[in-house]
Amino acid sequence: MELLGGIQRVEHAIQTPAGDPAWRPAVTQAVAQLKAAFAAHVRETEGPSGLYAGVLGDAPRLAQGLYGLVGDHETVWEALDELEGHLDEIDGYDGKAGSFGYRHEVVCQDAARLIREVWQHRQRGADLLYEAYDTDIGGET
């Protein structure tokens, strides 16, 4: 699965009504799928034979941008971990009035942050690839 599909699954899952018993399992499954897609993305981009190494070899002027993309990976992992932690708290829901509603709201906020982080990372990556391969900086023959 690719990142776009993972993002869409999380967006769809958090839109399920909070009172629906399928909400928690749907969100958990969607987050797990996004996490797997993101792990595959990191494997394909980082490392000595990854996409970023190829870009660095072809366009070393973009090294700083590549380091930023690697930093984005850490930010996305942190957002994934935080969201998973809040989903785990729902498992321990104690039934107190308002407790689930609060936890549901926190999970939705976490999911929105995660989605935003992944979208921004994808855009920065696309911009960098465009600059590396589709921008004419002159002087090359």
Protein backbone atom coordinates (compact mmCIF):
# COMPACT_ATOMS: atom_id res chain seq x y z
CA MET A 1 0.00 0.00 0.00
CA GLU A 2 1.22 3.47 -0.69
CA LEU A 3 1.02 6.53 1.50
CA LEU A 4 -1.92 8.10 -0.30
CA GLY A 5 -4.09 5.04 0.32
CA GLY A 6 -3.02 4.98 3.96
CA ILE A 7 -3.91 8.61 4.44
CA GLN A 8 -7.30 8.10 2.84
CA ARG A 9 -8.06 5.11 5.07
CA VAL A 10 -7.28 7.09 8.22
CA GLU A 11 -9.39 10.03 7.01
CA HIS A 12 -12.30 7.70 6.29
CA ALA A 13 -11.99 5.81 9.59
CA ILE A 14 -12.01 8.88 11.83
CA GLN A 15 -15.18 10.09 10.12
CA THR A 16 -17.09 7.07 11.43
CA PRO A 17 -19.45 8.21 14.21
CA ALA A 18 -17.76 7.91 17.61
CA GLY A 19 -20.64 5.91 19.06
CA ASP A 20 -20.30 3.22 16.38
CA PRO A 21 -18.69 0.13 17.94
CA ALA A 22 -16.66 -0.27 14.74
CA TRP A 23 -15.00 3.15 15.18
CA ARG A 24 -12.05 2.08 17.36
CA PRO A 25 -11.20 -1.07 15.33
CA ALA A 26 -11.54 0.83 12.04
CA VAL A 27 -9.23 3.63 13.18
CA THR A 28 -6.73 1.15 14.63
CA GLN A 29 -6.64 -0.85 11.41
CA ALA A 30 -6.30 2.26 9.25
CA VAL A 31 -3.44 3.57 11.39
CA ALA A 32 -1.68 0.19 11.20
CA GLN A 33 -2.02 0.24 7.40
CA LEU A 34 -0.65 3.78 7.19
CA LYS A 35 2.21 2.79 9.48
CA ALA A 36 3.08 -0.15 7.21
CA ALA A 37 2.92 2.09 4.12
CA PHE A 38 5.10 4.67 5.81
CA ALA A 39 7.66 2.04 6.84
CA ALA A 40 7.82 0.90 3.21
CA HIS A 41 8.25 4.52 2.11
CA VAL A 42 11.16 5.00 4.52
CA ARG A 43 12.83 1.78 3.31
CA GLU A 44 12.49 2.92 -0.32
CA THR A 45 13.84 6.41 0.28
CA GLU A 46 16.55 6.14 2.93
CA GLY A 47 19.73 4.10 2.91
CA PRO A 48 22.63 3.68 0.51
CA SER A 49 20.49 2.45 -2.39
CA GLY A 50 17.37 4.48 -1.59
CA LEU A 51 15.75 7.22 -3.63
CA TYR A 52 17.38 9.97 -1.57
CA ALA A 53 20.88 8.57 -2.26
CA GLY A 54 20.12 8.70 -5.97
CA VAL A 55 18.92 12.29 -5.76
CA LEU A 56 21.99 13.23 -3.72
CA GLY A 57 24.22 11.69 -6.39
CA ASP A 58 22.38 13.46 -9.22
CA ALA A 59 21.76 16.80 -7.52
CA PRO A 60 24.07 17.29 -4.53
CA ARG A 61 22.89 20.90 -4.25
CA LEU A 62 19.69 19.50 -2.72
CA ALA A 63 21.40 17.78 0.23
CA GLN A 64 19.84 20.12 2.80
CA GLY A 65 16.36 19.41 1.46
CA LEU A 66 17.02 15.67 1.61
CA TYR A 67 18.13 15.95 5.23
CA GLY A 68 14.87 17.78 5.89
CA LEU A 69 12.89 14.91 4.36
CA VAL A 70 14.71 12.42 6.59
CA GLY A 71 13.81 14.66 9.54
CA ASP A 72 10.20 14.57 8.39
CA HIS A 73 10.30 10.80 8.76
CA GLU A 74 11.08 11.18 12.46
CA THR A 75 8.24 13.70 12.88
CA VAL A 76 5.77 11.34 11.20
CA TRP A 77 6.92 8.40 13.36
CA GLU A 78 6.36 10.53 16.47
CA ALA A 79 2.85 11.44 15.28
CA LEU A 80 2.10 7.77 14.58
CA ASP A 81 3.32 6.73 18.03
CA GLU A 82 1.28 9.44 19.75
CA LEU A 83 -1.87 8.46 17.88
CA GLU A 84 -1.36 4.77 18.68
CA GLY A 85 -0.84 5.64 22.34
CA HIS A 86 -4.11 7.53 22.50
CA LEU A 87 -5.91 4.70 20.74
CA ASP A 88 -4.53 2.32 23.38
CA GLU A 89 -5.95 4.59 26.09
CA ILE A 90 -9.41 4.07 24.62
CA ASP A 91 -8.97 0.34 25.27
CA GLY A 92 -8.68 1.26 28.94
CA TYR A 93 -11.81 3.43 28.81
CA ASP A 94 -13.31 3.42 32.29
CA GLY A 95 -16.87 4.38 31.36
CA LYS A 96 -16.83 7.71 33.21
CA ALA A 97 -19.08 10.34 31.71
CA GLY A 98 -17.33 12.40 29.09
CA SER A 99 -14.18 10.30 29.18
CA PHE A 100 -14.73 8.58 25.82
CA GLY A 101 -15.77 11.80 24.11
CA TYR A 102 -12.56 13.47 25.24
CA ARG A 103 -10.43 10.53 24.13
CA HIS A 104 -12.24 10.38 20.80
CA GLU A 105 -11.55 14.08 20.25
CA VAL A 106 -7.85 13.63 21.10
CA VAL A 107 -7.54 10.72 18.68
CA CYS A 108 -9.19 12.75 15.93
CA GLN A 109 -6.82 15.66 16.59
CA ASP A 110 -3.84 13.29 16.54
CA ALA A 111 -5.07 11.75 13.29
CA ALA A 112 -5.47 15.19 11.73
CA ARG A 113 -1.91 16.10 12.77
CA LEU A 114 -0.58 12.84 11.36
CA ILE A 115 -2.40 13.33 8.07
CA ARG A 116 -1.10 16.91 7.82
CA GLU A 117 2.49 15.78 8.53
CA VAL A 118 2.35 13.05 5.88
CA TRP A 119 0.74 15.36 3.28
CA GLN A 120 3.37 18.02 3.89
CA HIS A 121 6.16 15.45 3.65
CA ARG A 122 4.78 14.11 0.38
CA GLN A 123 4.60 17.63 -1.03
CA ARG A 124 8.12 18.53 0.05
CA GLY A 125 9.38 15.29 -1.50
CA ALA A 126 7.56 15.96 -4.76
CA ASP A 127 8.92 19.52 -4.85
CA LEU A 128 12.45 18.28 -4.24
CA LEU A 129 12.21 15.63 -6.97
CA TYR A 130 10.88 18.25 -9.36
CA GLU A 131 13.78 20.53 -8.53
CA ALA A 132 16.26 17.67 -8.94
CA TYR A 133 15.05 16.36 -12.27
CA ASP A 134 12.75 18.86 -13.97
CA THR A 135 14.36 22.21 -13.21
CA ASP A 136 16.88 23.57 -15.69
CA ILE A 137 19.54 25.39 -13.71
CA GLY A 138 21.60 26.14 -16.80
CA GLY A 139 25.18 25.36 -17.57
CA GLU A 140 24.55 21.66 -18.12
CA THR A 141 25.00 20.09 -21.54
